[in-house]
Each structure stands twice: as C-alpha cells, then as structure tokens.
Amino acid sequence: MNEVKASHDAPPSKCVEITKVTGTSASVKGTPEDALKDLKKDAANRGANYVRIDEYSSYGTAVTGVAYKCPWIKIAMSFSV
C-alpha cells in the first residue's frame, strides 16, 4: 500500500482532488487511530497520497476527509549509525 499523509491542513498547491473518503473502526472498542488507519487505506486504494481530514464522529470511531494525489510530498528519512 502507498504511503498516505493525513492532516487537517490544506494539501500542497499542486495536489489534485480525487474524492471524499471515510474511515471507520469496526470494533466496539475502536479508537480514532483505527478510524484514521481505515481512512488512509481507503485513500490509498483510490490512488491518493494525501488526505485532508475534515471531521471525526463524536466518539472518534469514524472520520471523513478528502483524498488528493500530490506530485510528491517527500517523506523525510533519518538513519542511525
């Protein structure tokens, strides 16, 4: 699966909107992290690499956002010696 960055911030200027996406936690004891992971999976399946998070449900078990394809946001890597 492609790396997807998720943020409440607007996407970088050269990104192209793909579609709205949702994420949910399938568990009764679901967490916002579970919902976010599902949101990112939905976005990746649609070819996106950035998601602007719009809203979490009141319990945090669902999240909505907008998926974008960006000409890439490089992920900083660090190496330990």
N, C-alpha and C. Protein backbone atom coordinates (compact mmCIF):
# COMPACT_ATOMS: atom_id res chain seq x y z
N MET A 1 0.85 -1.19 0.00
CA MET A 1 0.00 0.00 0.00
C MET A 1 0.89 1.24 0.00
N ASN A 2 0.46 2.25 -0.75
CA ASN A 2 1.20 3.50 -0.82
C ASN A 2 1.15 4.24 0.51
N GLU A 3 2.18 5.03 0.76
CA GLU A 3 2.22 5.87 1.95
C GLU A 3 1.24 7.03 1.75
N VAL A 4 0.38 7.24 2.74
CA VAL A 4 -0.61 8.33 2.69
C VAL A 4 -0.40 9.23 3.89
N LYS A 5 -0.23 10.52 3.62
CA LYS A 5 -0.11 11.50 4.69
C LYS A 5 -1.50 12.05 4.98
N ALA A 6 -1.86 12.14 6.24
CA ALA A 6 -3.16 12.68 6.64
C ALA A 6 -2.94 13.90 7.54
N SER A 7 -3.71 14.96 7.30
CA SER A 7 -3.55 16.19 8.05
C SER A 7 -4.84 17.00 8.00
N HIS A 8 -5.01 17.88 8.97
CA HIS A 8 -6.13 18.82 8.94
C HIS A 8 -5.79 20.00 8.03
N ASP A 9 -4.53 20.12 7.63
CA ASP A 9 -4.08 21.21 6.78
C ASP A 9 -4.52 21.00 5.33
N ALA A 10 -4.67 22.10 4.61
CA ALA A 10 -4.96 22.02 3.18
C ALA A 10 -3.77 21.35 2.49
N PRO A 11 -4.03 20.65 1.38
CA PRO A 11 -2.93 19.99 0.68
C PRO A 11 -2.02 21.00 -0.01
N PRO A 12 -0.80 20.58 -0.36
CA PRO A 12 0.08 21.47 -1.13
C PRO A 12 -0.61 21.91 -2.43
N SER A 13 -0.19 23.02 -2.98
CA SER A 13 -0.88 23.66 -4.10
C SER A 13 -1.00 22.83 -5.37
N LYS A 14 -0.08 21.93 -5.64
CA LYS A 14 -0.14 21.18 -6.90
C LYS A 14 -0.89 19.85 -6.79
N CYS A 15 -1.54 19.62 -5.67
CA CYS A 15 -2.28 18.37 -5.48
C CYS A 15 -3.62 18.45 -6.20
N VAL A 16 -4.10 17.29 -6.65
CA VAL A 16 -5.36 17.20 -7.37
C VAL A 16 -6.35 16.38 -6.53
N GLU A 17 -7.53 16.95 -6.32
CA GLU A 17 -8.56 16.25 -5.54
C GLU A 17 -9.05 15.02 -6.29
N ILE A 18 -9.17 13.90 -5.57
CA ILE A 18 -9.67 12.66 -6.16
C ILE A 18 -11.13 12.44 -5.76
N THR A 19 -11.39 12.32 -4.45
CA THR A 19 -12.73 12.04 -3.97
C THR A 19 -12.80 12.17 -2.47
N LYS A 20 -14.01 12.15 -1.94
CA LYS A 20 -14.19 12.10 -0.48
C LYS A 20 -13.94 10.67 -0.02
N VAL A 21 -13.39 10.53 1.18
CA VAL A 21 -13.10 9.22 1.74
C VAL A 21 -13.58 9.17 3.18
N THR A 22 -13.81 7.94 3.66
CA THR A 22 -14.24 7.75 5.04
C THR A 22 -13.44 6.61 5.66
N GLY A 23 -13.35 6.67 6.96
CA GLY A 23 -12.71 5.61 7.71
C GLY A 23 -13.53 5.32 8.95
N THR A 24 -13.64 4.06 9.30
CA THR A 24 -14.39 3.68 10.50
C THR A 24 -13.61 2.62 11.26
N SER A 25 -13.95 2.50 12.52
CA SER A 25 -13.40 1.44 13.34
C SER A 25 -14.47 0.37 13.44
N ALA A 26 -14.11 -0.85 13.07
CA ALA A 26 -15.09 -1.94 13.07
C ALA A 26 -15.32 -2.52 14.46
N SER A 27 -14.51 -2.13 15.40
CA SER A 27 -14.58 -2.68 16.75
C SER A 27 -15.43 -1.81 17.66
N VAL A 28 -16.09 -2.44 18.62
CA VAL A 28 -16.86 -1.71 19.63
C VAL A 28 -15.92 -0.82 20.44
N LYS A 29 -14.70 -1.29 20.65
CA LYS A 29 -13.71 -0.53 21.40
C LYS A 29 -12.77 0.22 20.46
N GLY A 30 -13.29 0.62 19.30
CA GLY A 30 -12.49 1.31 18.30
C GLY A 30 -11.95 2.64 18.79
N THR A 31 -10.86 3.05 18.19
CA THR A 31 -10.20 4.30 18.57
C THR A 31 -10.14 5.23 17.35
N PRO A 32 -9.87 6.51 17.58
CA PRO A 32 -9.66 7.42 16.46
C PRO A 32 -8.50 6.97 15.57
N GLU A 33 -7.49 6.35 16.16
CA GLU A 33 -6.34 5.85 15.38
C GLU A 33 -6.79 4.75 14.41
N ASP A 34 -7.70 3.87 14.87
CA ASP A 34 -8.24 2.82 14.00
C ASP A 34 -9.00 3.43 12.82
N ALA A 35 -9.81 4.43 13.11
CA ALA A 35 -10.60 5.09 12.07
C ALA A 35 -9.67 5.79 11.07
N LEU A 36 -8.61 6.44 11.56
CA LEU A 36 -7.67 7.12 10.69
C LEU A 36 -6.92 6.13 9.81
N LYS A 37 -6.54 5.00 10.37
CA LYS A 37 -5.87 3.96 9.58
C LYS A 37 -6.77 3.49 8.45
N ASP A 38 -8.06 3.31 8.74
CA ASP A 38 -9.02 2.88 7.72
C ASP A 38 -9.21 3.97 6.65
N LEU A 39 -9.23 5.23 7.07
CA LEU A 39 -9.35 6.36 6.14
C LEU A 39 -8.17 6.37 5.17
N LYS A 40 -6.96 6.20 5.70
CA LYS A 40 -5.76 6.20 4.87
C LYS A 40 -5.76 5.02 3.91
N LYS A 41 -6.27 3.88 4.36
CA LYS A 41 -6.37 2.70 3.50
C LYS A 41 -7.33 2.97 2.35
N ASP A 42 -8.48 3.58 2.64
CA ASP A 42 -9.46 3.93 1.61
C ASP A 42 -8.82 4.88 0.59
N ALA A 43 -8.10 5.89 1.08
CA ALA A 43 -7.45 6.85 0.19
C ALA A 43 -6.40 6.17 -0.69
N ALA A 44 -5.57 5.31 -0.10
CA ALA A 44 -4.53 4.61 -0.87
C ALA A 44 -5.16 3.74 -1.95
N ASN A 45 -6.26 3.07 -1.62
CA ASN A 45 -6.94 2.22 -2.61
C ASN A 45 -7.47 3.01 -3.79
N ARG A 46 -7.64 4.31 -3.61
CA ARG A 46 -8.14 5.17 -4.68
C ARG A 46 -7.01 5.93 -5.38
N GLY A 47 -5.76 5.61 -5.02
CA GLY A 47 -4.61 6.23 -5.68
C GLY A 47 -4.14 7.52 -5.06
N ALA A 48 -4.62 7.86 -3.87
CA ALA A 48 -4.23 9.11 -3.22
C ALA A 48 -2.97 8.93 -2.38
N ASN A 49 -2.29 10.04 -2.12
CA ASN A 49 -1.15 10.01 -1.21
C ASN A 49 -1.24 11.12 -0.15
N TYR A 50 -2.37 11.82 -0.12
CA TYR A 50 -2.60 12.86 0.88
C TYR A 50 -4.10 12.89 1.19
N VAL A 51 -4.45 13.04 2.46
CA VAL A 51 -5.85 13.20 2.87
C VAL A 51 -5.97 14.40 3.79
N ARG A 52 -6.89 15.29 3.43
CA ARG A 52 -7.23 16.39 4.34
C ARG A 52 -8.37 15.88 5.21
N ILE A 53 -8.12 15.81 6.51
CA ILE A 53 -9.13 15.33 7.45
C ILE A 53 -10.15 16.44 7.67
N ASP A 54 -11.43 16.08 7.47
CA ASP A 54 -12.50 17.06 7.66
C ASP A 54 -13.13 16.95 9.04
N GLU A 55 -13.48 15.73 9.45
CA GLU A 55 -14.25 15.62 10.69
C GLU A 55 -14.18 14.21 11.27
N TYR A 56 -14.10 14.15 12.60
CA TYR A 56 -14.24 12.89 13.35
C TYR A 56 -15.64 12.85 13.93
N SER A 57 -16.20 11.65 14.07
CA SER A 57 -17.50 11.50 14.73
C SER A 57 -17.35 11.85 16.21
N SER A 58 -18.45 12.01 16.88
CA SER A 58 -18.41 12.41 18.29
C SER A 58 -17.66 11.40 19.17
N TYR A 59 -17.69 10.13 18.82
CA TYR A 59 -16.96 9.12 19.59
C TYR A 59 -15.59 8.82 19.01
N GLY A 60 -15.27 9.41 17.87
CA GLY A 60 -13.95 9.20 17.26
C GLY A 60 -13.81 7.89 16.51
N THR A 61 -14.91 7.18 16.30
CA THR A 61 -14.83 5.89 15.63
C THR A 61 -15.09 5.99 14.12
N ALA A 62 -15.30 7.19 13.62
CA ALA A 62 -15.45 7.43 12.19
C ALA A 62 -14.80 8.77 11.85
N VAL A 63 -14.25 8.84 10.65
CA VAL A 63 -13.58 10.06 10.21
C VAL A 63 -13.85 10.24 8.72
N THR A 64 -14.01 11.50 8.30
CA THR A 64 -14.20 11.80 6.88
C THR A 64 -13.11 12.76 6.43
N GLY A 65 -12.84 12.72 5.14
CA GLY A 65 -11.84 13.61 4.58
C GLY A 65 -11.91 13.63 3.07
N VAL A 66 -10.95 14.32 2.47
CA VAL A 66 -10.86 14.41 1.02
C VAL A 66 -9.50 13.89 0.61
N ALA A 67 -9.50 12.96 -0.36
CA ALA A 67 -8.27 12.35 -0.85
C ALA A 67 -7.70 13.16 -2.02
N TYR A 68 -6.38 13.28 -2.05
CA TYR A 68 -5.67 14.01 -3.11
C TYR A 68 -4.50 13.19 -3.63
N LYS A 69 -4.16 13.44 -4.89
CA LYS A 69 -2.93 12.90 -5.48
C LYS A 69 -1.98 14.07 -5.61
N CYS A 70 -0.85 13.96 -4.94
CA CYS A 70 0.12 15.05 -4.94
C CYS A 70 1.39 14.60 -5.68
N PRO A 71 2.04 15.51 -6.38
CA PRO A 71 3.24 15.18 -7.13
C PRO A 71 4.47 15.18 -6.25
N TRP A 72 4.73 14.67 -5.55
CA TRP A 72 5.00 14.16 -4.25
C TRP A 72 5.69 14.93 -3.19
N ILE A 73 5.05 14.63 -2.14
CA ILE A 73 5.45 15.05 -0.82
C ILE A 73 6.52 14.03 -0.42
N LYS A 74 7.74 14.45 -0.31
CA LYS A 74 8.78 13.51 0.09
C LYS A 74 8.74 13.29 1.58
N ILE A 75 8.89 12.05 1.95
CA ILE A 75 8.88 11.69 3.36
C ILE A 75 10.32 11.72 3.84
N ALA A 76 10.58 12.53 4.84
CA ALA A 76 11.94 12.63 5.37
C ALA A 76 12.33 11.31 6.02
N MET A 77 13.54 10.90 5.74
CA MET A 77 14.05 9.65 6.32
C MET A 77 15.28 10.00 7.14
N SER A 78 15.42 9.32 8.25
CA SER A 78 16.62 9.52 9.04
C SER A 78 17.26 8.17 9.29
N PHE A 79 18.56 8.17 9.37
CA PHE A 79 19.29 6.93 9.57
C PHE A 79 20.16 7.06 10.81
N SER A 80 20.18 5.99 11.57
CA SER A 80 21.03 5.96 12.76
C SER A 80 22.26 5.13 12.45
N VAL A 81 23.38 5.55 13.00
CA VAL A 81 24.61 4.81 12.80
C VAL A 81 25.04 4.18 14.10
